[in-house]
């Protein structure tokens, strides 16, 4: 059974930093993309950053230059370093893992990030 365990969320003041981690276990397929999404109250879930198997990364425009995604393939773990946090970054952050088959899409339980002004 695939499990994605997230950690690192919390409350931080504007301008501060947080580092999210997501460890995937029970993986029996080749992972293609590991990434992070977020959902703020009343808004749709949106992509924050993604890291594919070829080493390419993709970021939402709103976080470019402030967030950095990294990945440890040996540990099936993905990280999100968030710097210069803004109140508008407040959301539940979800880890996402995608394999090469369409059925291999998994989500973490979400971790709350709250940025106070």
C-alpha atoms as a PDB file:
ATOM      1  CA  UNK A   1       0.000   0.000   0.000  1.00  0.00           C
ATOM      2  CA  UNK A   2       1.411   3.349  -1.030  1.00  0.00           C
ATOM      3  CA  UNK A   3       1.751   5.941   1.711  1.00  0.00           C
ATOM      4  CA  UNK A   4       2.947   9.515   1.448  1.00  0.00           C
ATOM      5  CA  UNK A   5       3.911  11.029   4.775  1.00  0.00           C
ATOM      6  CA  UNK A   6       4.352  14.776   4.846  1.00  0.00           C
ATOM      7  CA  UNK A   7       6.023  16.854   7.518  1.00  0.00           C
ATOM      8  CA  UNK A   8       7.363  20.335   8.082  1.00  0.00           C
ATOM      9  CA  UNK A   9       4.282  22.507   7.943  1.00  0.00           C
ATOM     10  CA  UNK A  10       3.452  25.058  10.595  1.00  0.00           C
ATOM     11  CA  UNK A  11       3.010  28.705  11.460  1.00  0.00           C
ATOM     12  CA  UNK A  12       5.610  31.236  10.384  1.00  0.00           C
ATOM     13  CA  UNK A  13       5.801  34.993  10.077  1.00  0.00           C
ATOM     14  CA  UNK A  14       5.961  36.680   6.708  1.00  0.00           C
ATOM     15  CA  UNK A  15       9.498  36.587   5.364  1.00  0.00           C
ATOM     16  CA  UNK A  16      10.265  33.360   7.174  1.00  0.00           C
ATOM     17  CA  UNK A  17      11.103  29.916   5.868  1.00  0.00           C
ATOM     18  CA  UNK A  18       9.784  26.388   6.120  1.00  0.00           C
ATOM     19  CA  UNK A  19      10.916  23.094   4.659  1.00  0.00           C
ATOM     20  CA  UNK A  20       8.374  20.453   3.740  1.00  0.00           C
ATOM     21  CA  UNK A  21       9.251  16.797   3.356  1.00  0.00           C
ATOM     22  CA  UNK A  22       7.295  13.943   1.834  1.00  0.00           C
ATOM     23  CA  UNK A  23       8.444  10.348   2.161  1.00  0.00           C
ATOM     24  CA  UNK A  24       6.792   7.752  -0.036  1.00  0.00           C
ATOM     25  CA  UNK A  25       6.617   4.133   1.056  1.00  0.00           C
ATOM     26  CA  UNK A  26       5.080   0.993  -0.400  1.00  0.00           C
ATOM     27  CA  UNK A  27       6.169   2.085  -3.869  1.00  0.00           C
ATOM     28  CA  UNK A  28       6.146  -0.815  -6.308  1.00  0.00           C
ATOM     29  CA  UNK A  29       6.331   1.199  -9.508  1.00  0.00           C
ATOM     30  CA  UNK A  30       8.786   3.562 -11.149  1.00  0.00           C
ATOM     31  CA  UNK A  31       8.131   7.106 -10.053  1.00  0.00           C
ATOM     32  CA  UNK A  32       7.995   9.726 -12.795  1.00  0.00           C
ATOM     33  CA  UNK A  33       7.041  12.947 -11.063  1.00  0.00           C
ATOM     34  CA  UNK A  34       7.130  14.019  -7.434  1.00  0.00           C
ATOM     35  CA  UNK A  35       5.620  17.337  -6.592  1.00  0.00           C
ATOM     36  CA  UNK A  36       3.745  19.662  -4.316  1.00  0.00           C
ATOM     37  CA  UNK A  37       0.314  21.212  -4.695  1.00  0.00           C
ATOM     38  CA  UNK A  38      -1.535  23.567  -2.396  1.00  0.00           C
ATOM     39  CA  UNK A  39      -5.113  24.507  -1.708  1.00  0.00           C
ATOM     40  CA  UNK A  40      -6.180  27.649   0.071  1.00  0.00           C
ATOM     41  CA  UNK A  41      -9.692  28.024   1.533  1.00  0.00           C
ATOM     42  CA  UNK A  42     -12.223  28.626  -1.204  1.00  0.00           C
ATOM     43  CA  UNK A  43      -9.695  28.061  -3.969  1.00  0.00           C
ATOM     44  CA  UNK A  44      -8.830  25.212  -6.307  1.00  0.00           C
ATOM     45  CA  UNK A  45      -5.838  23.009  -5.694  1.00  0.00           C
ATOM     46  CA  UNK A  46      -2.885  24.329  -7.666  1.00  0.00           C
ATOM     47  CA  UNK A  47       0.548  23.083  -8.615  1.00  0.00           C
ATOM     48  CA  UNK A  48       3.353  24.628  -6.590  1.00  0.00           C
ATOM     49  CA  UNK A  49       6.379  22.723  -7.876  1.00  0.00           C
ATOM     50  CA  UNK A  50       7.190  19.437  -9.570  1.00  0.00           C
ATOM     51  CA  UNK A  51      10.352  17.432 -10.198  1.00  0.00           C
ATOM     52  CA  UNK A  52      10.324  14.820 -12.931  1.00  0.00           C
ATOM     53  CA  UNK A  53      12.438  11.744 -13.422  1.00  0.00           C
ATOM     54  CA  UNK A  54      14.632  13.500 -15.963  1.00  0.00           C
ATOM     55  CA  UNK A  55      15.662  16.115 -13.426  1.00  0.00           C
ATOM     56  CA  UNK A  56      13.508  18.935 -14.746  1.00  0.00           C
ATOM     57  CA  UNK A  57      11.606  21.158 -12.360  1.00  0.00           C
ATOM     58  CA  UNK A  58       8.507  23.254 -12.816  1.00  0.00           C
ATOM     59  CA  UNK A  59       7.278  26.045 -10.547  1.00  0.00           C
ATOM     60  CA  UNK A  60       4.181  28.153 -10.247  1.00  0.00           C
ATOM     61  CA  UNK A  61       4.957  31.735 -11.223  1.00  0.00           C
ATOM     62  CA  UNK A  62       3.936  32.905  -7.770  1.00  0.00           C
ATOM     63  CA  UNK A  63       6.709  30.932  -6.053  1.00  0.00           C
ATOM     64  CA  UNK A  64       9.570  31.203  -8.548  1.00  0.00           C
ATOM     65  CA  UNK A  65      12.714  32.493  -6.908  1.00  0.00           C
ATOM     66  CA  UNK A  66      11.385  31.765  -3.417  1.00  0.00           C
ATOM     67  CA  UNK A  67      10.677  28.008  -3.352  1.00  0.00           C
ATOM     68  CA  UNK A  68      13.007  25.188  -4.298  1.00  0.00           C
ATOM     69  CA  UNK A  69      11.984  21.591  -4.888  1.00  0.00           C
ATOM     70  CA  UNK A  70      14.455  18.752  -4.489  1.00  0.00           C
ATOM     71  CA  UNK A  71      14.215  15.004  -4.610  1.00  0.00           C
ATOM     72  CA  UNK A  72      16.085  12.042  -3.141  1.00  0.00           C
ATOM     73  CA  UNK A  73      15.331   9.095  -5.397  1.00  0.00           C
ATOM     74  CA  UNK A  74      17.072   6.610  -3.126  1.00  0.00           C
ATOM     75  CA  UNK A  75      14.701   7.544  -0.311  1.00  0.00           C
ATOM     76  CA  UNK A  76      11.623   8.220  -2.479  1.00  0.00           C
ATOM     77  CA  UNK A  77      11.457  11.580  -0.766  1.00  0.00           C
ATOM     78  CA  UNK A  78      10.678  15.023  -2.090  1.00  0.00           C
ATOM     79  CA  UNK A  79      11.353  18.313  -0.335  1.00  0.00           C
ATOM     80  CA  UNK A  80      10.088  21.853  -0.720  1.00  0.00           C
ATOM     81  CA  UNK A  81      12.229  24.634   0.680  1.00  0.00           C
ATOM     82  CA  UNK A  82      10.064  27.715   1.064  1.00  0.00           C
ATOM     83  CA  UNK A  83      11.762  31.042   1.668  1.00  0.00           C
ATOM     84  CA  UNK A  84      10.463  34.604   1.847  1.00  0.00           C
ATOM     85  CA  UNK A  85       7.034  33.303   2.714  1.00  0.00           C
ATOM     86  CA  UNK A  86       4.040  35.546   2.186  1.00  0.00           C
ATOM     87  CA  UNK A  87       0.570  35.473   3.753  1.00  0.00           C
ATOM     88  CA  UNK A  88      -0.801  34.419   0.359  1.00  0.00           C
ATOM     89  CA  UNK A  89       1.256  31.224   0.621  1.00  0.00           C
ATOM     90  CA  UNK A  90      -1.076  30.102   3.412  1.00  0.00           C
ATOM     91  CA  UNK A  91      -2.682  26.823   2.349  1.00  0.00           C
ATOM     92  CA  UNK A  92      -2.752  23.101   2.863  1.00  0.00           C
ATOM     93  CA  UNK A  93       0.192  21.649   0.961  1.00  0.00           C
ATOM     94  CA  UNK A  94      -0.156  18.217  -0.609  1.00  0.00           C
ATOM     95  CA  UNK A  95       2.548  15.888  -1.797  1.00  0.00           C
ATOM     96  CA  UNK A  96       1.909  14.161  -5.121  1.00  0.00           C
ATOM     97  CA  UNK A  97       3.595  11.142  -6.687  1.00  0.00           C
ATOM     98  CA  UNK A  98       2.938  10.022 -10.249  1.00  0.00           C
ATOM     99  CA  UNK A  99       4.175   6.883 -11.953  1.00  0.00           C
ATOM    100  CA  UNK A 100       4.357   6.048 -15.626  1.00  0.00           C
ATOM    101  CA  UNK A 101       1.006   4.283 -15.624  1.00  0.00           C
ATOM    102  CA  UNK A 102      -2.160   6.384 -15.470  1.00  0.00           C
ATOM    103  CA  UNK A 103      -3.375   4.563 -12.373  1.00  0.00           C
ATOM    104  CA  UNK A 104      -0.254   5.381 -10.362  1.00  0.00           C
ATOM    105  CA  UNK A 105      -1.233   8.752  -8.900  1.00  0.00           C
ATOM    106  CA  UNK A 106      -1.038   9.227  -5.147  1.00  0.00           C
ATOM    107  CA  UNK A 107      -1.582  12.085  -2.711  1.00  0.00           C
ATOM    108  CA  UNK A 108      -0.422  12.810   0.785  1.00  0.00           C
ATOM    109  CA  UNK A 109      -2.804  13.774   3.552  1.00  0.00           C
ATOM    110  CA  UNK A 110      -1.768  17.422   3.437  1.00  0.00           C
ATOM    111  CA  UNK A 111       0.144  19.667   5.806  1.00  0.00           C
ATOM    112  CA  UNK A 112      -0.983  23.118   6.863  1.00  0.00           C
ATOM    113  CA  UNK A 113       1.245  26.101   6.185  1.00  0.00           C
ATOM    114  CA  UNK A 114       0.144  29.373   7.742  1.00  0.00           C
ATOM    115  CA  UNK A 115       2.011  32.616   7.147  1.00  0.00           C
ATOM    116  CA  UNK A 116       1.115  35.507   9.401  1.00  0.00           C
ATOM    117  CA  UNK A 117       1.545  39.117   8.372  1.00  0.00           C
END
